[in-house]
Amino acid sequence: MSGPPRMPLTRPQAAVLEAAADGATLTVVATRLGRPRTWVAARLSEAYKRLDVAWVARGERRAAAVRLARKRGLIPPAGGEAPRQELPAPASAPN
């Protein structure tokens, strides 16, 4: 976990991790971002893999990912004044 970063986070992964940093449930994070819960869960899972914390115990994984992402400057520090990045609107389904 303390080694070099595997890959930087994508904007959606960073936004989801930042929105989930306070320990909110997936449903709350999804509501905050205006995205489906399954989309949020997938982005968090991807972020865990990129940060190499997927192996950490489930109950500690998010906190480990947030700490590491903040340490590496991938998301703003707690109480940071950096503006949140807006996610692009989901593409509408064809009729």
PDB file of N, CA and C in Angstrom:
ATOM      1  N   MET A   1       0.825  -1.197   0.000  1.00  0.00           N
ATOM      2  CA  MET A   1       0.000   0.000   0.000  1.00  0.00           C
ATOM      3  C   MET A   1       0.862   1.251   0.000  1.00  0.00           C
ATOM      4  N   SER A   2       2.087   1.193   0.440  1.00  0.00           N
ATOM      5  CA  SER A   2       2.910   2.386   0.502  1.00  0.00           C
ATOM      6  C   SER A   2       3.805   2.555  -0.716  1.00  0.00           C
ATOM      7  N   GLY A   3       3.745   1.632  -1.651  1.00  0.00           N
ATOM      8  CA  GLY A   3       4.588   1.687  -2.834  1.00  0.00           C
ATOM      9  C   GLY A   3       4.128   2.739  -3.818  1.00  0.00           C
ATOM     10  N   PRO A   4       4.751   2.748  -4.984  1.00  0.00           N
ATOM     11  CA  PRO A   4       4.380   3.734  -5.999  1.00  0.00           C
ATOM     12  C   PRO A   4       2.962   3.479  -6.512  1.00  0.00           C
ATOM     13  N   PRO A   5       2.304   4.519  -6.982  1.00  0.00           N
ATOM     14  CA  PRO A   5       0.939   4.334  -7.474  1.00  0.00           C
ATOM     15  C   PRO A   5       0.932   3.445  -8.705  1.00  0.00           C
ATOM     16  N   ARG A   6      -0.053   2.567  -8.787  1.00  0.00           N
ATOM     17  CA  ARG A   6      -0.189   1.714  -9.965  1.00  0.00           C
ATOM     18  C   ARG A   6      -0.600   2.564 -11.157  1.00  0.00           C
ATOM     19  N   MET A   7      -1.677   3.297 -11.008  1.00  0.00           N
ATOM     20  CA  MET A   7      -2.173   4.182 -12.046  1.00  0.00           C
ATOM     21  C   MET A   7      -2.919   5.316 -11.350  1.00  0.00           C
ATOM     22  N   PRO A   8      -2.967   6.476 -11.974  1.00  0.00           N
ATOM     23  CA  PRO A   8      -3.802   7.521 -11.374  1.00  0.00           C
ATOM     24  C   PRO A   8      -5.273   7.134 -11.504  1.00  0.00           C
ATOM     25  N   LEU A   9      -6.086   7.739 -10.684  1.00  0.00           N
ATOM     26  CA  LEU A   9      -7.523   7.500 -10.767  1.00  0.00           C
ATOM     27  C   LEU A   9      -8.108   8.274 -11.938  1.00  0.00           C
ATOM     28  N   THR A  10      -9.156   7.725 -12.518  1.00  0.00           N
ATOM     29  CA  THR A  10      -9.897   8.478 -13.529  1.00  0.00           C
ATOM     30  C   THR A  10     -10.706   9.543 -12.797  1.00  0.00           C
ATOM     31  N   ARG A  11     -11.195  10.521 -13.532  1.00  0.00           N
ATOM     32  CA  ARG A  11     -12.012  11.573 -12.892  1.00  0.00           C
ATOM     33  C   ARG A  11     -13.225  10.982 -12.191  1.00  0.00           C
ATOM     34  N   PRO A  12     -13.976  10.064 -12.823  1.00  0.00           N
ATOM     35  CA  PRO A  12     -15.127   9.486 -12.112  1.00  0.00           C
ATOM     36  C   PRO A  12     -14.722   8.702 -10.862  1.00  0.00           C
ATOM     37  N   GLN A  13     -13.630   7.955 -10.925  1.00  0.00           N
ATOM     38  CA  GLN A  13     -13.180   7.207  -9.752  1.00  0.00           C
ATOM     39  C   GLN A  13     -12.816   8.159  -8.616  1.00  0.00           C
ATOM     40  N   ALA A  14     -12.094   9.216  -8.933  1.00  0.00           N
ATOM     41  CA  ALA A  14     -11.702  10.191  -7.910  1.00  0.00           C
ATOM     42  C   ALA A  14     -12.931  10.885  -7.331  1.00  0.00           C
ATOM     43  N   ALA A  15     -13.881  11.242  -8.179  1.00  0.00           N
ATOM     44  CA  ALA A  15     -15.087  11.929  -7.702  1.00  0.00           C
ATOM     45  C   ALA A  15     -15.897  11.031  -6.774  1.00  0.00           C
ATOM     46  N   VAL A  16     -16.021   9.763  -7.127  1.00  0.00           N
ATOM     47  CA  VAL A  16     -16.774   8.831  -6.288  1.00  0.00           C
ATOM     48  C   VAL A  16     -16.043   8.611  -4.964  1.00  0.00           C
ATOM     49  N   LEU A  17     -14.740   8.428  -5.015  1.00  0.00           N
ATOM     50  CA  LEU A  17     -13.981   8.219  -3.785  1.00  0.00           C
ATOM     51  C   LEU A  17     -14.067   9.444  -2.882  1.00  0.00           C
ATOM     52  N   GLU A  18     -13.997  10.622  -3.465  1.00  0.00           N
ATOM     53  CA  GLU A  18     -14.125  11.847  -2.675  1.00  0.00           C
ATOM     54  C   GLU A  18     -15.515  11.949  -2.047  1.00  0.00           C
ATOM     55  N   ALA A  19     -16.549  11.637  -2.825  1.00  0.00           N
ATOM     56  CA  ALA A  19     -17.922  11.714  -2.314  1.00  0.00           C
ATOM     57  C   ALA A  19     -18.185  10.659  -1.243  1.00  0.00           C
ATOM     58  N   ALA A  20     -17.433   9.561  -1.283  1.00  0.00           N
ATOM     59  CA  ALA A  20     -17.614   8.476  -0.323  1.00  0.00           C
ATOM     60  C   ALA A  20     -16.672   8.579   0.864  1.00  0.00           C
ATOM     61  N   ALA A  21     -15.808   9.574   0.870  1.00  0.00           N
ATOM     62  CA  ALA A  21     -14.758   9.680   1.885  1.00  0.00           C
ATOM     63  C   ALA A  21     -15.295   9.838   3.299  1.00  0.00           C
ATOM     64  N   ASP A  22     -16.484  10.367   3.446  1.00  0.00           N
ATOM     65  CA  ASP A  22     -17.038  10.567   4.787  1.00  0.00           C
ATOM     66  C   ASP A  22     -17.731   9.319   5.329  1.00  0.00           C
ATOM     67  N   GLY A  23     -17.655   8.212   4.574  1.00  0.00           N
ATOM     68  CA  GLY A  23     -18.253   6.961   5.031  1.00  0.00           C
ATOM     69  C   GLY A  23     -19.702   6.784   4.632  1.00  0.00           C
ATOM     70  N   ALA A  24     -20.208   7.646   3.783  1.00  0.00           N
ATOM     71  CA  ALA A  24     -21.598   7.534   3.339  1.00  0.00           C
ATOM     72  C   ALA A  24     -21.830   6.201   2.636  1.00  0.00           C
ATOM     73  N   THR A  25     -23.050   5.728   2.688  1.00  0.00           N
ATOM     74  CA  THR A  25     -23.397   4.481   2.010  1.00  0.00           C
ATOM     75  C   THR A  25     -23.352   4.684   0.496  1.00  0.00           C
ATOM     76  N   LEU A  26     -23.309   3.583  -0.234  1.00  0.00           N
ATOM     77  CA  LEU A  26     -23.309   3.666  -1.689  1.00  0.00           C
ATOM     78  C   LEU A  26     -24.561   4.389  -2.195  1.00  0.00           C
ATOM     79  N   THR A  27     -25.686   4.146  -1.553  1.00  0.00           N
ATOM     80  CA  THR A  27     -26.929   4.788  -1.974  1.00  0.00           C
ATOM     81  C   THR A  27     -26.848   6.302  -1.795  1.00  0.00           C
ATOM     82  N   VAL A  28     -26.278   6.747  -0.686  1.00  0.00           N
ATOM     83  CA  VAL A  28     -26.137   8.183  -0.438  1.00  0.00           C
ATOM     84  C   VAL A  28     -25.164   8.797  -1.437  1.00  0.00           C
ATOM     85  N   VAL A  29     -24.049   8.122  -1.683  1.00  0.00           N
ATOM     86  CA  VAL A  29     -23.073   8.628  -2.652  1.00  0.00           C
ATOM     87  C   VAL A  29     -23.708   8.715  -4.031  1.00  0.00           C
ATOM     88  N   ALA A  30     -24.473   7.709  -4.405  1.00  0.00           N
ATOM     89  CA  ALA A  30     -25.155   7.713  -5.701  1.00  0.00           C
ATOM     90  C   ALA A  30     -26.108   8.891  -5.811  1.00  0.00           C
ATOM     91  N   THR A  31     -26.822   9.183  -4.745  1.00  0.00           N
ATOM     92  CA  THR A  31     -27.739  10.321  -4.729  1.00  0.00           C
ATOM     93  C   THR A  31     -26.967  11.625  -4.855  1.00  0.00           C
ATOM     94  N   ARG A  32     -25.870  11.747  -4.137  1.00  0.00           N
ATOM     95  CA  ARG A  32     -25.043  12.959  -4.210  1.00  0.00           C
ATOM     96  C   ARG A  32     -24.555  13.223  -5.635  1.00  0.00           C
ATOM     97  N   LEU A  33     -24.187  12.158  -6.323  1.00  0.00           N
ATOM     98  CA  LEU A  33     -23.610  12.304  -7.660  1.00  0.00           C
ATOM     99  C   LEU A  33     -24.633  12.186  -8.779  1.00  0.00           C
ATOM    100  N   GLY A  34     -25.855  11.823  -8.436  1.00  0.00           N
ATOM    101  CA  GLY A  34     -26.890  11.678  -9.458  1.00  0.00           C
ATOM    102  C   GLY A  34     -26.622  10.503 -10.392  1.00  0.00           C
ATOM    103  N   ARG A  35     -26.064   9.453  -9.846  1.00  0.00           N
ATOM    104  CA  ARG A  35     -25.710   8.258 -10.619  1.00  0.00           C
ATOM    105  C   ARG A  35     -26.344   7.032  -9.981  1.00  0.00           C
ATOM    106  N   PRO A  36     -26.472   5.950 -10.743  1.00  0.00           N
ATOM    107  CA  PRO A  36     -26.996   4.708 -10.152  1.00  0.00           C
ATOM    108  C   PRO A  36     -26.023   4.127  -9.120  1.00  0.00           C
ATOM    109  N   ARG A  37     -26.580   3.452  -8.141  1.00  0.00           N
ATOM    110  CA  ARG A  37     -25.774   2.832  -7.091  1.00  0.00           C
ATOM    111  C   ARG A  37     -24.769   1.853  -7.681  1.00  0.00           C
ATOM    112  N   THR A  38     -25.175   1.081  -8.678  1.00  0.00           N
ATOM    113  CA  THR A  38     -24.273   0.097  -9.285  1.00  0.00           C
ATOM    114  C   THR A  38     -23.087   0.775  -9.964  1.00  0.00           C
ATOM    115  N   TRP A  39     -23.305   1.936 -10.560  1.00  0.00           N
ATOM    116  CA  TRP A  39     -22.225   2.696 -11.202  1.00  0.00           C
ATOM    117  C   TRP A  39     -21.225   3.150 -10.143  1.00  0.00           C
ATOM    118  N   VAL A  40     -21.740   3.655  -9.015  1.00  0.00           N
ATOM    119  CA  VAL A  40     -20.883   4.109  -7.922  1.00  0.00           C
ATOM    120  C   VAL A  40     -20.064   2.936  -7.377  1.00  0.00           C
ATOM    121  N   ALA A  41     -20.704   1.799  -7.158  1.00  0.00           N
ATOM    122  CA  ALA A  41     -19.999   0.625  -6.637  1.00  0.00           C
ATOM    123  C   ALA A  41     -18.889   0.186  -7.592  1.00  0.00           C
ATOM    124  N   ALA A  42     -19.159   0.213  -8.877  1.00  0.00           N
ATOM    125  CA  ALA A  42     -18.148  -0.182  -9.862  1.00  0.00           C
ATOM    126  C   ALA A  42     -16.959   0.774  -9.860  1.00  0.00           C
ATOM    127  N   ARG A  43     -17.215   2.079  -9.789  1.00  0.00           N
ATOM    128  CA  ARG A  43     -16.118   3.051  -9.774  1.00  0.00           C
ATOM    129  C   ARG A  43     -15.274   2.907  -8.503  1.00  0.00           C
ATOM    130  N   LEU A  44     -15.918   2.651  -7.361  1.00  0.00           N
ATOM    131  CA  LEU A  44     -15.165   2.445  -6.122  1.00  0.00           C
ATOM    132  C   LEU A  44     -14.290   1.199  -6.229  1.00  0.00           C
ATOM    133  N   SER A  45     -14.851   0.135  -6.757  1.00  0.00           N
ATOM    134  CA  SER A  45     -14.092  -1.099  -6.915  1.00  0.00           C
ATOM    135  C   SER A  45     -12.876  -0.888  -7.813  1.00  0.00           C
ATOM    136  N   GLU A  46     -13.073  -0.157  -8.900  1.00  0.00           N
ATOM    137  CA  GLU A  46     -11.960   0.157  -9.806  1.00  0.00           C
ATOM    138  C   GLU A  46     -10.891   0.986  -9.083  1.00  0.00           C
ATOM    139  N   ALA A  47     -11.339   1.951  -8.290  1.00  0.00           N
ATOM    140  CA  ALA A  47     -10.398   2.801  -7.555  1.00  0.00           C
ATOM    141  C   ALA A  47      -9.594   1.969  -6.561  1.00  0.00           C
ATOM    142  N   TYR A  48     -10.246   1.035  -5.882  1.00  0.00           N
ATOM    143  CA  TYR A  48      -9.545   0.176  -4.934  1.00  0.00           C
ATOM    144  C   TYR A  48      -8.438  -0.611  -5.635  1.00  0.00           C
ATOM    145  N   LYS A  49      -8.744  -1.122  -6.812  1.00  0.00           N
ATOM    146  CA  LYS A  49      -7.743  -1.888  -7.569  1.00  0.00           C
ATOM    147  C   LYS A  49      -6.589  -0.993  -8.005  1.00  0.00           C
ATOM    148  N   ARG A  50      -6.899   0.186  -8.502  1.00  0.00           N
ATOM    149  CA  ARG A  50      -5.846   1.098  -8.964  1.00  0.00           C
ATOM    150  C   ARG A  50      -4.964   1.576  -7.813  1.00  0.00           C
ATOM    151  N   LEU A  51      -5.546   1.702  -6.635  1.00  0.00           N
ATOM    152  CA  LEU A  51      -4.779   2.139  -5.471  1.00  0.00           C
ATOM    153  C   LEU A  51      -4.134   0.955  -4.740  1.00  0.00           C
ATOM    154  N   ASP A  52      -4.389  -0.246  -5.219  1.00  0.00           N
ATOM    155  CA  ASP A  52      -3.839  -1.478  -4.645  1.00  0.00           C
ATOM    156  C   ASP A  52      -4.267  -1.673  -3.196  1.00  0.00           C
ATOM    157  N   VAL A  53      -5.540  -1.413  -2.927  1.00  0.00           N
ATOM    158  CA  VAL A  53      -6.089  -1.675  -1.597  1.00  0.00           C
ATOM    159  C   VAL A  53      -7.226  -2.690  -1.656  1.00  0.00           C
ATOM    160  N   ALA A  54      -7.425  -3.321  -2.807  1.00  0.00           N
ATOM    161  CA  ALA A  54      -8.512  -4.293  -2.944  1.00  0.00           C
ATOM    162  C   ALA A  54      -8.329  -5.474  -1.995  1.00  0.00           C
ATOM    163  N   TRP A  55      -7.102  -5.728  -1.574  1.00  0.00           N
ATOM    164  CA  TRP A  55      -6.798  -6.842  -0.675  1.00  0.00           C
ATOM    165  C   TRP A  55      -7.081  -6.519   0.793  1.00  0.00           C
ATOM    166  N   VAL A  56      -7.261  -5.244   1.125  1.00  0.00           N
ATOM    167  CA  VAL A  56      -7.502  -4.819   2.512  1.00  0.00           C
ATOM    168  C   VAL A  56      -8.871  -5.336   2.950  1.00  0.00           C
ATOM    169  N   ALA A  57      -9.009  -5.633   4.230  1.00  0.00           N
ATOM    170  CA  ALA A  57     -10.285  -6.122   4.765  1.00  0.00           C
ATOM    171  C   ALA A  57     -11.425  -5.194   4.348  1.00  0.00           C
ATOM    172  N   ARG A  58     -12.540  -5.782   4.013  1.00  0.00           N
ATOM    173  CA  ARG A  58     -13.672  -5.032   3.461  1.00  0.00           C
ATOM    174  C   ARG A  58     -14.054  -3.815   4.306  1.00  0.00           C
ATOM    175  N   GLY A  59     -14.091  -3.964   5.594  1.00  0.00           N
ATOM    176  CA  GLY A  59     -14.492  -2.862   6.471  1.00  0.00           C
ATOM    177  C   GLY A  59     -13.487  -1.726   6.555  1.00  0.00           C
ATOM    178  N   GLU A  60     -12.275  -1.959   6.067  1.00  0.00           N
ATOM    179  CA  GLU A  60     -11.227  -0.944   6.134  1.00  0.00           C
ATOM    180  C   GLU A  60     -10.799  -0.432   4.766  1.00  0.00           C
ATOM    181  N   ARG A  61     -11.326  -1.039   3.725  1.00  0.00           N
ATOM    182  CA  ARG A  61     -10.879  -0.750   2.359  1.00  0.00           C
ATOM    183  C   ARG A  61     -11.104   0.695   1.939  1.00  0.00           C
ATOM    184  N   ARG A  62     -12.281   1.224   2.185  1.00  0.00           N
ATOM    185  CA  ARG A  62     -12.574   2.589   1.755  1.00  0.00           C
ATOM    186  C   ARG A  62     -11.683   3.598   2.460  1.00  0.00           C
ATOM    187  N   ALA A  63     -11.529   3.436   3.769  1.00  0.00           N
ATOM    188  CA  ALA A  63     -10.676   4.362   4.521  1.00  0.00           C
ATOM    189  C   ALA A  63      -9.230   4.296   4.028  1.00  0.00           C
ATOM    190  N   ALA A  64      -8.755   3.089   3.732  1.00  0.00           N
ATOM    191  CA  ALA A  64      -7.394   2.938   3.220  1.00  0.00           C
ATOM    192  C   ALA A  64      -7.251   3.622   1.868  1.00  0.00           C
ATOM    193  N   ALA A  65      -8.252   3.469   1.015  1.00  0.00           N
ATOM    194  CA  ALA A  65      -8.219   4.092  -0.314  1.00  0.00           C
ATOM    195  C   ALA A  65      -8.241   5.614  -0.202  1.00  0.00           C
ATOM    196  N   VAL A  66      -9.065   6.134   0.681  1.00  0.00           N
ATOM    197  CA  VAL A  66      -9.160   7.591   0.870  1.00  0.00           C
ATOM    198  C   VAL A  66      -7.831   8.141   1.398  1.00  0.00           C
ATOM    199  N   ARG A  67      -7.272   7.477   2.404  1.00  0.00           N
ATOM    200  CA  ARG A  67      -5.983   7.937   2.953  1.00  0.00           C
ATOM    201  C   ARG A  67      -4.908   7.965   1.873  1.00  0.00           C
ATOM    202  N   LEU A  68      -4.823   6.894   1.102  1.00  0.00           N
ATOM    203  CA  LEU A  68      -3.792   6.796   0.081  1.00  0.00           C
ATOM    204  C   LEU A  68      -4.016   7.816  -1.039  1.00  0.00           C
ATOM    205  N   ALA A  69      -5.262   7.979  -1.465  1.00  0.00           N
ATOM    206  CA  ALA A  69      -5.563   8.943  -2.528  1.00  0.00           C
ATOM    207  C   ALA A  69      -5.254  10.367  -2.066  1.00  0.00           C
ATOM    208  N   ARG A  70      -5.545  10.677  -0.815  1.00  0.00           N
ATOM    209  CA  ARG A  70      -5.220  12.017  -0.293  1.00  0.00           C
ATOM    210  C   ARG A  70      -3.718  12.200  -0.190  1.00  0.00           C
ATOM    211  N   LYS A  71      -3.025  11.178   0.281  1.00  0.00           N
ATOM    212  CA  LYS A  71      -1.570  11.250   0.414  1.00  0.00           C
ATOM    213  C   LYS A  71      -0.910  11.498  -0.938  1.00  0.00           C
ATOM    214  N   ARG A  72      -1.453  10.880  -1.990  1.00  0.00           N
ATOM    215  CA  ARG A  72      -0.893  11.021  -3.333  1.00  0.00           C
ATOM    216  C   ARG A  72      -1.446  12.229  -4.086  1.00  0.00           C
ATOM    217  N   GLY A  73      -2.333  12.986  -3.450  1.00  0.00           N
ATOM    218  CA  GLY A  73      -2.887  14.179  -4.082  1.00  0.00           C
ATOM    219  C   GLY A  73      -3.908  13.887  -5.160  1.00  0.00           C
ATOM    220  N   LEU A  74      -4.518  12.699  -5.111  1.00  0.00           N
ATOM    221  CA  LEU A  74      -5.506  12.323  -6.124  1.00  0.00           C
ATOM    222  C   LEU A  74      -6.899  12.846  -5.803  1.00  0.00           C
ATOM    223  N   ILE A  75      -7.148  13.093  -4.519  1.00  0.00           N
ATOM    224  CA  ILE A  75      -8.385  13.752  -4.083  1.00  0.00           C
ATOM    225  C   ILE A  75      -7.976  14.790  -3.044  1.00  0.00           C
ATOM    226  N   PRO A  76      -8.785  15.828  -2.857  1.00  0.00           N
ATOM    227  CA  PRO A  76      -8.435  16.883  -1.907  1.00  0.00           C
ATOM    228  C   PRO A  76      -8.382  16.362  -0.471  1.00  0.00           C
ATOM    229  N   PRO A  77      -7.605  17.011   0.378  1.00  0.00           N
ATOM    230  CA  PRO A  77      -7.566  16.613   1.787  1.00  0.00           C
ATOM    231  C   PRO A  77      -8.911  16.852   2.457  1.00  0.00           C
ATOM    232  N   ALA A  78      -9.108  16.219   3.593  1.00  0.00           N
ATOM    233  CA  ALA A  78     -10.352  16.397   4.351  1.00  0.00           C
ATOM    234  C   ALA A  78     -10.536  17.874   4.661  1.00  0.00           C
ATOM    235  N   GLY A  79     -11.734  18.377   4.429  1.00  0.00           N
ATOM    236  CA  GLY A  79     -12.003  19.784   4.680  1.00  0.00           C
ATOM    237  C   GLY A  79     -11.303  20.693   3.693  1.00  0.00           C
ATOM    238  N   GLY A  80     -10.773  20.103   2.634  1.00  0.00           N
ATOM    239  CA  GLY A  80     -10.051  20.873   1.621  1.00  0.00           C
ATOM    240  C   GLY A  80     -10.960  21.856   0.919  1.00  0.00           C
ATOM    241  N   GLU A  81     -10.357  22.873   0.376  1.00  0.00           N
ATOM    242  CA  GLU A  81     -11.130  23.908  -0.288  1.00  0.00           C
ATOM    243  C   GLU A  81     -11.143  23.738  -1.802  1.00  0.00           C
ATOM    244  N   ALA A  82     -10.551  22.658  -2.288  1.00  0.00           N
ATOM    245  CA  ALA A  82     -10.553  22.425  -3.728  1.00  0.00           C
ATOM    246  C   ALA A  82     -11.976  22.111  -4.178  1.00  0.00           C
ATOM    247  N   PRO A  83     -12.411  22.688  -5.277  1.00  0.00           N
ATOM    248  CA  PRO A  83     -13.766  22.425  -5.750  1.00  0.00           C
ATOM    249  C   PRO A  83     -13.906  20.983  -6.214  1.00  0.00           C
ATOM    250  N   ARG A  84     -15.096  20.443  -6.054  1.00  0.00           N
ATOM    251  CA  ARG A  84     -15.380  19.093  -6.535  1.00  0.00           C
ATOM    252  C   ARG A  84     -15.446  19.106  -8.051  1.00  0.00           C
ATOM    253  N   GLN A  85     -14.953  18.042  -8.639  1.00  0.00           N
ATOM    254  CA  GLN A  85     -15.041  17.922 -10.087  1.00  0.00           C
ATOM    255  C   GLN A  85     -16.421  17.398 -10.444  1.00  0.00           C
ATOM    256  N   GLU A  86     -17.028  18.051 -11.406  1.00  0.00           N
ATOM    257  CA  GLU A  86     -18.333  17.603 -11.862  1.00  0.00           C
ATOM    258  C   GLU A  86     -18.165  16.426 -12.804  1.00  0.00           C
ATOM    259  N   LEU A  87     -19.033  15.456 -12.671  1.00  0.00           N
ATOM    260  CA  LEU A  87     -19.030  14.325 -13.584  1.00  0.00           C
ATOM    261  C   LEU A  87     -19.835  14.679 -14.815  1.00  0.00           C
ATOM    262  N   PRO A  88     -19.446  14.166 -15.969  1.00  0.00           N
ATOM    263  CA  PRO A  88     -20.265  14.405 -17.148  1.00  0.00           C
ATOM    264  C   PRO A  88     -21.616  13.727 -16.986  1.00  0.00           C
ATOM    265  N   ALA A  89     -22.625  14.329 -17.580  1.00  0.00           N
ATOM    266  CA  ALA A  89     -23.974  13.754 -17.505  1.00  0.00           C
ATOM    267  C   ALA A  89     -23.990  12.413 -18.206  1.00  0.00           C
ATOM    268  N   PRO A  90     -24.740  11.448 -17.671  1.00  0.00           N
ATOM    269  CA  PRO A  90     -24.806  10.151 -18.335  1.00  0.00           C
ATOM    270  C   PRO A  90     -25.443  10.293 -19.721  1.00  0.00           C
ATOM    271  N   ALA A  91     -24.964   9.500 -20.639  1.00  0.00           N
ATOM    272  CA  ALA A  91     -25.528   9.537 -21.992  1.00  0.00           C
ATOM    273  C   ALA A  91     -26.930   8.965 -21.947  1.00  0.00           C
ATOM    274  N   SER A  92     -27.822   9.589 -22.663  1.00  0.00           N
ATOM    275  CA  SER A  92     -29.199   9.096 -22.672  1.00  0.00           C
ATOM    276  C   SER A  92     -29.286   7.884 -23.590  1.00  0.00           C
ATOM    277  N   ALA A  93     -30.177   6.994 -23.257  1.00  0.00           N
ATOM    278  CA  ALA A  93     -30.352   5.780 -24.045  1.00  0.00           C
ATOM    279  C   ALA A  93     -31.054   6.118 -25.355  1.00  0.00           C
ATOM    280  N   PRO A  94     -30.680   5.442 -26.419  1.00  0.00           N
ATOM    281  CA  PRO A  94     -31.357   5.697 -27.694  1.00  0.00           C
ATOM    282  C   PRO A  94     -32.811   5.256 -27.628  1.00  0.00           C
ATOM    283  N   ASN A  95     -33.653   5.946 -28.354  1.00  0.00           N
ATOM    284  CA  ASN A  95     -35.100   5.615 -28.340  1.00  0.00           C
ATOM    285  C   ASN A  95     -35.415   4.467 -29.212  1.00  0.00           C
TER     286      ASN A  95
END
